[in-house]
């Protein structure tokens, strides 16, 4: 079963938000409206992606602080709150976009319980990969990174 255009665009909105790509977010919000999503559905995708991104940030904070020794206050332990098919698709895409393996594993398991197919998961991951690359290219343009070397002009030579 393939994703519907609405599901795919809701996932793309969440992925774009999680990846921090403003041009991608603007584009996909326009596209998801064309696909028939309501403002509450779009808002849910955005909020779900933000929860995943925040959880990933807290998990990495915990990972870094663990190397300093002492107490770690349980950062990164919040439940991202995805429960529906679309929320789970957004969660997987967002977790992939921010490289959060703990959330990715958790939501892949939830996806399977909801009957989301491997084909649909691959579709979301492919979309997330593309959006991550687009986000990076927007940032590279701002910084002035050249495509040939992957380094800023005058850097690392």
C-alpha atoms as a PDB file:
ATOM      1  CA  UNK A   1       0.000   0.000   0.000  1.00  0.00           C
ATOM      2  CA  UNK A   2       1.410   3.390  -0.958  1.00  0.00           C
ATOM      3  CA  UNK A   3       0.955   6.535   1.066  1.00  0.00           C
ATOM      4  CA  UNK A   4      -1.854   8.832   0.042  1.00  0.00           C
ATOM      5  CA  UNK A   5      -0.789  12.278  -1.214  1.00  0.00           C
ATOM      6  CA  UNK A   6      -2.160  13.786   2.009  1.00  0.00           C
ATOM      7  CA  UNK A   7      -0.233  11.342   4.231  1.00  0.00           C
ATOM      8  CA  UNK A   8       2.953  11.897   2.245  1.00  0.00           C
ATOM      9  CA  UNK A   9       2.656  15.686   2.468  1.00  0.00           C
ATOM     10  CA  UNK A  10       1.804  15.639   6.179  1.00  0.00           C
ATOM     11  CA  UNK A  11       4.931  13.538   6.715  1.00  0.00           C
ATOM     12  CA  UNK A  12       6.894  15.986   4.534  1.00  0.00           C
ATOM     13  CA  UNK A  13       5.710  18.918   6.648  1.00  0.00           C
ATOM     14  CA  UNK A  14       6.889  17.147   9.803  1.00  0.00           C
ATOM     15  CA  UNK A  15      10.192  16.133   8.243  1.00  0.00           C
ATOM     16  CA  UNK A  16      10.798  19.687   7.010  1.00  0.00           C
ATOM     17  CA  UNK A  17      10.123  21.122  10.463  1.00  0.00           C
ATOM     18  CA  UNK A  18      12.315  18.511  12.170  1.00  0.00           C
ATOM     19  CA  UNK A  19      15.111  19.110   9.635  1.00  0.00           C
ATOM     20  CA  UNK A  20      14.872  22.859  10.257  1.00  0.00           C
ATOM     21  CA  UNK A  21      14.304  23.666   6.582  1.00  0.00           C
ATOM     22  CA  UNK A  22      12.234  26.819   6.170  1.00  0.00           C
ATOM     23  CA  UNK A  23      11.917  26.671   2.365  1.00  0.00           C
ATOM     24  CA  UNK A  24      10.932  22.992   2.572  1.00  0.00           C
ATOM     25  CA  UNK A  25       8.375  23.701   5.305  1.00  0.00           C
ATOM     26  CA  UNK A  26       6.806  26.529   3.307  1.00  0.00           C
ATOM     27  CA  UNK A  27       6.630  24.387   0.186  1.00  0.00           C
ATOM     28  CA  UNK A  28       5.152  21.341   1.906  1.00  0.00           C
ATOM     29  CA  UNK A  29       2.567  23.337   3.876  1.00  0.00           C
ATOM     30  CA  UNK A  30       1.295  24.686   0.552  1.00  0.00           C
ATOM     31  CA  UNK A  31       1.328  21.189  -0.962  1.00  0.00           C
ATOM     32  CA  UNK A  32      -0.436  19.529   1.985  1.00  0.00           C
ATOM     33  CA  UNK A  33      -3.229  22.085   1.761  1.00  0.00           C
ATOM     34  CA  UNK A  34      -3.623  21.193  -1.926  1.00  0.00           C
ATOM     35  CA  UNK A  35      -3.800  17.542  -0.838  1.00  0.00           C
ATOM     36  CA  UNK A  36      -6.763  18.358   1.404  1.00  0.00           C
ATOM     37  CA  UNK A  37      -5.266  18.550   4.892  1.00  0.00           C
ATOM     38  CA  UNK A  38      -6.976  20.764   7.431  1.00  0.00           C
ATOM     39  CA  UNK A  39      -5.158  23.311   9.586  1.00  0.00           C
ATOM     40  CA  UNK A  40      -5.582  21.095  12.702  1.00  0.00           C
ATOM     41  CA  UNK A  41      -4.012  18.155  10.814  1.00  0.00           C
ATOM     42  CA  UNK A  42      -1.118  20.331   9.679  1.00  0.00           C
ATOM     43  CA  UNK A  43      -0.683  21.740  13.186  1.00  0.00           C
ATOM     44  CA  UNK A  44      -0.607  18.180  14.587  1.00  0.00           C
ATOM     45  CA  UNK A  45       2.138  17.178  12.143  1.00  0.00           C
ATOM     46  CA  UNK A  46       4.176  20.250  13.078  1.00  0.00           C
ATOM     47  CA  UNK A  47       3.735  19.687  16.817  1.00  0.00           C
ATOM     48  CA  UNK A  48       4.573  16.002  16.486  1.00  0.00           C
ATOM     49  CA  UNK A  49       7.785  16.824  14.600  1.00  0.00           C
ATOM     50  CA  UNK A  50       8.774  19.443  17.177  1.00  0.00           C
ATOM     51  CA  UNK A  51       8.289  16.892  19.986  1.00  0.00           C
ATOM     52  CA  UNK A  52      10.534  14.425  18.148  1.00  0.00           C
ATOM     53  CA  UNK A  53      13.175  17.117  17.553  1.00  0.00           C
ATOM     54  CA  UNK A  54      13.084  18.248  21.199  1.00  0.00           C
ATOM     55  CA  UNK A  55      13.274  14.670  22.441  1.00  0.00           C
ATOM     56  CA  UNK A  56      16.268  14.022  20.182  1.00  0.00           C
ATOM     57  CA  UNK A  57      17.981  17.160  21.499  1.00  0.00           C
ATOM     58  CA  UNK A  58      17.389  16.110  25.096  1.00  0.00           C
ATOM     59  CA  UNK A  59      18.665  12.597  24.393  1.00  0.00           C
ATOM     60  CA  UNK A  60      21.874  14.022  22.929  1.00  0.00           C
ATOM     61  CA  UNK A  61      22.231  16.378  25.891  1.00  0.00           C
ATOM     62  CA  UNK A  62      22.004  13.346  28.159  1.00  0.00           C
ATOM     63  CA  UNK A  63      24.528  11.483  26.002  1.00  0.00           C
ATOM     64  CA  UNK A  64      26.998  14.356  26.197  1.00  0.00           C
ATOM     65  CA  UNK A  65      26.534  14.939  29.934  1.00  0.00           C
ATOM     66  CA  UNK A  66      26.969  11.240  30.650  1.00  0.00           C
ATOM     67  CA  UNK A  67      30.591  11.648  29.544  1.00  0.00           C
ATOM     68  CA  UNK A  68      31.127  14.309  32.210  1.00  0.00           C
ATOM     69  CA  UNK A  69      30.101  11.942  34.992  1.00  0.00           C
ATOM     70  CA  UNK A  70      27.632  12.699  37.741  1.00  0.00           C
ATOM     71  CA  UNK A  71      23.867  12.712  37.600  1.00  0.00           C
ATOM     72  CA  UNK A  72      21.885  12.974  34.407  1.00  0.00           C
ATOM     73  CA  UNK A  73      18.316  14.100  34.994  1.00  0.00           C
ATOM     74  CA  UNK A  74      16.602  11.820  32.471  1.00  0.00           C
ATOM     75  CA  UNK A  75      16.653  14.189  29.511  1.00  0.00           C
ATOM     76  CA  UNK A  76      15.314  12.644  26.358  1.00  0.00           C
ATOM     77  CA  UNK A  77      12.847  10.424  28.176  1.00  0.00           C
ATOM     78  CA  UNK A  78       9.603  12.144  27.137  1.00  0.00           C
ATOM     79  CA  UNK A  79       7.039  10.239  25.113  1.00  0.00           C
ATOM     80  CA  UNK A  80       6.832  11.915  21.693  1.00  0.00           C
ATOM     81  CA  UNK A  81       3.081  11.256  21.757  1.00  0.00           C
ATOM     82  CA  UNK A  82       2.447   9.767  18.316  1.00  0.00           C
ATOM     83  CA  UNK A  83      -0.568   7.465  18.226  1.00  0.00           C
ATOM     84  CA  UNK A  84      -2.289   7.563  14.848  1.00  0.00           C
ATOM     85  CA  UNK A  85      -1.110   6.320  11.473  1.00  0.00           C
ATOM     86  CA  UNK A  86      -0.255   9.824  10.239  1.00  0.00           C
ATOM     87  CA  UNK A  87       1.388  10.781  13.519  1.00  0.00           C
ATOM     88  CA  UNK A  88       3.549   7.669  13.337  1.00  0.00           C
ATOM     89  CA  UNK A  89       4.536   8.385   9.741  1.00  0.00           C
ATOM     90  CA  UNK A  90       5.491  11.928  10.770  1.00  0.00           C
ATOM     91  CA  UNK A  91       7.383  10.594  13.799  1.00  0.00           C
ATOM     92  CA  UNK A  92       9.461   8.153  11.737  1.00  0.00           C
ATOM     93  CA  UNK A  93      10.270  10.812   9.148  1.00  0.00           C
ATOM     94  CA  UNK A  94      11.136  13.401  11.798  1.00  0.00           C
ATOM     95  CA  UNK A  95      13.261  10.942  13.802  1.00  0.00           C
ATOM     96  CA  UNK A  96      15.154  10.029  10.640  1.00  0.00           C
ATOM     97  CA  UNK A  97      15.579  13.719   9.782  1.00  0.00           C
ATOM     98  CA  UNK A  98      17.244  14.443  13.122  1.00  0.00           C
ATOM     99  CA  UNK A  99      19.192  11.147  13.263  1.00  0.00           C
ATOM    100  CA  UNK A 100      17.457  10.012  16.465  1.00  0.00           C
ATOM    101  CA  UNK A 101      17.828   6.242  16.573  1.00  0.00           C
ATOM    102  CA  UNK A 102      15.971   5.804  19.885  1.00  0.00           C
ATOM    103  CA  UNK A 103      12.856   7.548  18.554  1.00  0.00           C
ATOM    104  CA  UNK A 104      13.230   5.834  15.201  1.00  0.00           C
ATOM    105  CA  UNK A 105      13.295   2.384  16.789  1.00  0.00           C
ATOM    106  CA  UNK A 106      10.340   3.204  19.042  1.00  0.00           C
ATOM    107  CA  UNK A 107       8.217   4.527  16.198  1.00  0.00           C
ATOM    108  CA  UNK A 108       9.147   1.792  13.728  1.00  0.00           C
ATOM    109  CA  UNK A 109       7.785  -0.675  16.272  1.00  0.00           C
ATOM    110  CA  UNK A 110       4.611   1.391  16.686  1.00  0.00           C
ATOM    111  CA  UNK A 111       4.258   1.639  12.896  1.00  0.00           C
ATOM    112  CA  UNK A 112       4.233  -2.117  12.579  1.00  0.00           C
ATOM    113  CA  UNK A 113       1.536  -2.420  15.266  1.00  0.00           C
ATOM    114  CA  UNK A 114      -0.600   0.022  13.252  1.00  0.00           C
ATOM    115  CA  UNK A 115      -0.137  -2.020  10.077  1.00  0.00           C
ATOM    116  CA  UNK A 116       2.124   0.476   8.315  1.00  0.00           C
ATOM    117  CA  UNK A 117       4.008  -1.487   5.691  1.00  0.00           C
ATOM    118  CA  UNK A 118       7.739  -1.629   5.044  1.00  0.00           C
ATOM    119  CA  UNK A 119       7.034  -0.039   1.656  1.00  0.00           C
ATOM    120  CA  UNK A 120       5.343   2.929   3.339  1.00  0.00           C
ATOM    121  CA  UNK A 121       8.194   3.278   5.843  1.00  0.00           C
ATOM    122  CA  UNK A 122      10.716   3.240   2.975  1.00  0.00           C
ATOM    123  CA  UNK A 123       8.670   5.939   1.235  1.00  0.00           C
ATOM    124  CA  UNK A 124       8.854   8.156   4.337  1.00  0.00           C
ATOM    125  CA  UNK A 125      12.581   7.480   4.809  1.00  0.00           C
ATOM    126  CA  UNK A 126      13.254   8.275   1.142  1.00  0.00           C
ATOM    127  CA  UNK A 127      11.301  11.510   1.525  1.00  0.00           C
ATOM    128  CA  UNK A 128      13.214  12.323   4.709  1.00  0.00           C
ATOM    129  CA  UNK A 129      16.549  11.674   2.983  1.00  0.00           C
ATOM    130  CA  UNK A 130      15.592  14.022   0.152  1.00  0.00           C
ATOM    131  CA  UNK A 131      14.404  16.785   2.518  1.00  0.00           C
ATOM    132  CA  UNK A 132      17.562  16.467   4.657  1.00  0.00           C
ATOM    133  CA  UNK A 133      19.659  16.947   1.512  1.00  0.00           C
ATOM    134  CA  UNK A 134      17.578  19.947   0.467  1.00  0.00           C
ATOM    135  CA  UNK A 135      17.916  21.456   3.941  1.00  0.00           C
ATOM    136  CA  UNK A 136      21.686  20.976   3.831  1.00  0.00           C
ATOM    137  CA  UNK A 137      21.910  22.557   0.390  1.00  0.00           C
ATOM    138  CA  UNK A 138      20.016  25.644   1.606  1.00  0.00           C
ATOM    139  CA  UNK A 139      22.444  25.979   4.518  1.00  0.00           C
ATOM    140  CA  UNK A 140      25.467  25.388   2.285  1.00  0.00           C
ATOM    141  CA  UNK A 141      24.370  28.271   0.057  1.00  0.00           C
ATOM    142  CA  UNK A 142      24.192  30.573   3.071  1.00  0.00           C
ATOM    143  CA  UNK A 143      27.643  29.523   4.262  1.00  0.00           C
ATOM    144  CA  UNK A 144      29.200  29.459   0.817  1.00  0.00           C
ATOM    145  CA  UNK A 145      30.209  25.816   0.770  1.00  0.00           C
ATOM    146  CA  UNK A 146      31.284  24.627  -2.633  1.00  0.00           C
ATOM    147  CA  UNK A 147      29.830  21.401  -3.979  1.00  0.00           C
ATOM    148  CA  UNK A 148      33.093  20.140  -5.456  1.00  0.00           C
ATOM    149  CA  UNK A 149      35.025  19.970  -2.196  1.00  0.00           C
ATOM    150  CA  UNK A 150      32.285  20.147   0.433  1.00  0.00           C
ATOM    151  CA  UNK A 151      34.318  22.817   2.190  1.00  0.00           C
ATOM    152  CA  UNK A 152      33.984  26.546   2.492  1.00  0.00           C
ATOM    153  CA  UNK A 153      36.244  28.474   0.104  1.00  0.00           C
ATOM    154  CA  UNK A 154      39.695  28.810   1.673  1.00  0.00           C
ATOM    155  CA  UNK A 155      38.973  26.102   4.237  1.00  0.00           C
ATOM    156  CA  UNK A 156      40.948  22.915   4.748  1.00  0.00           C
ATOM    157  CA  UNK A 157      43.403  23.531   1.934  1.00  0.00           C
END
